[in-house]
Protein backbone atom coordinates (compact mmCIF):
# COMPACT_ATOMS: atom_id res chain seq x y z
CA MET A 1 45.21 120.09 -11.03
CA ASN A 2 48.35 118.69 -9.48
CA THR A 3 50.51 115.96 -10.61
CA ILE A 4 48.91 113.38 -8.77
CA SER A 5 45.39 114.24 -10.09
CA LEU A 6 46.84 114.60 -13.38
CA GLN A 7 48.85 110.71 -13.00
CA ARG A 8 45.74 109.23 -11.51
CA PHE A 9 43.35 110.46 -14.54
CA PHE A 10 45.90 108.74 -17.24
CA ILE A 11 45.91 105.69 -15.30
CA PHE A 12 42.28 105.21 -14.07
CA PHE A 13 40.71 107.48 -16.82
CA ASN A 14 36.72 106.62 -16.46
CA PHE A 15 34.31 108.07 -18.96
CA GLN A 16 30.82 107.06 -18.06
CA ASP A 17 29.64 105.41 -21.07
CA PRO A 18 26.23 105.34 -21.37
CA LYS A 19 25.76 108.44 -19.98
CA ASN A 20 23.36 108.46 -16.97
CA PRO A 21 23.38 104.65 -16.59
CA GLU A 22 20.88 102.43 -14.95
CA PHE A 23 22.35 99.57 -13.48
CA ASN A 24 19.19 98.56 -11.85
CA ASN A 25 17.68 97.80 -15.59
CA PRO A 26 20.45 95.61 -17.50
CA GLN A 27 17.59 94.93 -19.64
CA LYS A 28 17.83 98.02 -21.32
CA TYR A 29 21.63 96.64 -22.43
CA GLY A 30 19.96 93.83 -23.73
CA MET A 31 21.12 91.68 -20.90
CA ASN A 32 18.62 89.32 -19.04
CA GLY A 33 19.37 87.57 -16.12
CA VAL A 34 21.00 89.71 -14.44
CA VAL A 35 20.76 90.90 -10.76
CA ASN A 36 22.34 94.18 -9.57
CA PHE A 37 23.65 94.42 -6.10
CA TYR A 38 26.23 96.04 -3.93
CA ILE A 39 29.05 95.07 -1.22
CA THR A 40 30.65 97.18 1.06
CA THR A 41 34.39 97.19 1.88
CA LYS A 42 36.46 99.08 4.30
CA ASP A 43 39.51 101.15 2.41
CA LEU A 44 42.90 100.24 3.45
CA LEU A 45 44.38 103.47 4.26
CA ASP A 46 41.44 105.13 6.42
CA GLY A 47 39.08 102.57 7.15
CA SER A 48 35.97 104.04 5.49
CA LEU A 49 33.51 101.88 3.81
CA VAL A 50 33.26 102.06 -0.03
CA SER A 51 30.11 100.59 -1.28
CA ILE A 52 30.78 98.45 -5.12
CA GLY A 53 28.15 97.99 -7.47
CA ALA A 54 28.25 94.53 -8.88
CA TRP A 55 25.74 92.21 -11.10
CA LEU A 56 25.13 88.51 -10.97
CA LEU A 57 24.81 87.24 -14.18
CA LEU A 58 23.07 83.71 -14.43
CA PRO A 59 24.70 81.24 -16.89
CA GLU A 60 22.86 81.33 -20.08
CA LYS A 61 20.95 78.26 -19.81
CA GLN A 62 19.47 79.15 -16.73
CA ILE A 63 18.25 82.83 -17.61
CA GLN A 64 14.58 81.27 -18.56
CA SER A 65 14.28 79.11 -15.62
CA THR A 66 15.43 81.30 -12.80
CA LYS A 67 12.96 83.99 -11.53
CA ILE A 68 14.88 87.22 -10.16
CA ALA A 69 14.33 90.47 -9.10
CA ALA A 70 15.88 93.44 -10.79
CA HIS A 71 17.95 94.60 -7.59
CA ASP A 72 17.92 92.37 -4.77
CA ASP A 73 21.18 91.32 -2.62
CA LYS A 74 19.18 88.21 -1.28
CA THR A 75 18.45 86.72 -4.75
CA ALA A 76 21.90 87.19 -5.55
CA THR A 77 23.17 85.66 -2.41
CA GLU A 78 20.78 82.72 -2.89
CA ILE A 79 21.69 82.20 -6.62
CA ILE A 80 25.71 82.35 -5.53
CA ARG A 81 25.34 79.56 -2.60
CA ASN A 82 22.84 77.09 -4.42
CA THR A 83 24.71 77.53 -7.68
CA ASP A 84 25.88 74.19 -9.68
CA TYR A 85 28.06 76.44 -12.23
CA PRO A 86 31.67 77.32 -11.48
CA ILE A 87 31.92 81.05 -10.59
CA VAL A 88 33.81 83.61 -12.27
CA ILE A 89 34.40 86.99 -10.87
CA TYR A 90 34.99 89.44 -13.87
CA LEU A 91 36.62 92.64 -12.93
CA HIS A 92 36.38 95.23 -15.71
CA GLY A 93 39.41 97.31 -17.14
CA VAL A 94 39.60 101.01 -16.82
CA GLY A 95 37.97 102.91 -19.03
CA CYS A 96 34.36 101.47 -18.68
CA ASN A 97 31.82 99.87 -15.90
CA ARG A 98 30.12 96.84 -15.58
CA ILE A 99 27.42 97.65 -18.41
CA LYS A 100 30.31 97.64 -21.11
CA PRO A 101 31.50 94.03 -21.14
CA LYS A 102 28.30 92.67 -22.87
CA GLU A 103 30.27 90.66 -25.63
CA THR A 104 32.48 89.11 -23.08
CA TYR A 105 29.86 88.30 -20.82
CA GLU A 106 27.95 86.41 -23.30
CA VAL A 107 31.10 83.91 -23.66
CA LEU A 108 31.51 83.58 -20.24
CA ARG A 109 27.84 82.89 -19.47
CA LYS A 110 27.59 79.91 -21.76
CA HIS A 111 29.94 78.01 -18.96
CA PHE A 112 29.65 80.28 -15.95
CA LEU A 113 27.49 82.43 -13.29
CA LEU A 114 29.20 85.50 -13.33
CA ILE A 115 29.99 88.15 -10.61
CA SER A 116 31.10 91.35 -12.22
CA LEU A 117 32.34 94.21 -9.43
CA ASP A 118 32.86 97.57 -10.50
CA HIS A 119 36.23 99.40 -9.14
CA ARG A 120 35.87 102.01 -6.55
CA GLY A 121 35.15 105.41 -8.61
CA TYR A 122 33.63 104.00 -11.29
CA GLY A 123 30.10 103.13 -12.19
CA ASP A 124 28.07 103.24 -8.89
CA SER A 125 30.76 102.23 -6.91
CA GLY A 126 32.27 104.89 -4.36
CA PRO A 127 32.01 107.96 -6.54
CA ASP A 128 33.49 110.17 -4.02
CA ILE A 129 36.68 107.78 -3.57
CA PRO A 130 39.16 108.44 -5.96
CA PRO A 131 40.43 104.66 -7.51
CA THR A 132 43.75 103.55 -6.45
CA GLU A 133 45.88 100.59 -7.02
CA LEU A 134 45.72 99.71 -3.62
CA GLY A 135 42.21 100.58 -3.15
CA ILE A 136 40.93 98.60 -5.95
CA VAL A 137 42.88 95.56 -5.40
CA GLY A 138 41.96 95.79 -1.62
CA ASP A 139 37.92 95.81 -2.62
CA SER A 140 38.55 93.09 -4.99
CA ALA A 141 40.69 90.76 -2.03
CA ARG A 142 38.15 92.05 0.46
CA PHE A 143 35.19 90.57 -1.62
CA LEU A 144 36.77 87.07 -2.24
CA ASN A 145 38.03 86.51 1.46
CA GLY A 146 35.39 88.38 3.59
CA SER A 147 32.28 88.25 1.17
CA ASP A 148 29.33 86.32 3.30
CA LEU A 149 27.49 86.10 -0.15
């Protein structure tokens, strides 16, 4: 392992927890009213396409009244475009993926519609592309500025 790889490991440590996560099955983790979807961004350095996994989490008051499919990009887009709730884009820290911050989601869902993005190299997002600061910031900025959601 060269020094760059070692530094990247310590800065962006990423242990898959839970093992073999099922992002298409958020109910398995005690979360209802969640849509799993993906966005595609371009890498800022080489222009390659990166798939970023995301969850749309309905506000607490809409969970029972909104019919959703567990994995449906069109459903996510429709909900985002038609919501009356403020939207929070949630970016988890290192060492986890979009499944882990359940307690944080529970608090935020009392008042907001949430979109939780995994970083490249985390969860099921760009698993073959190593995370870098520039890459993570670029993916997030592209989502905010260029998303057609």
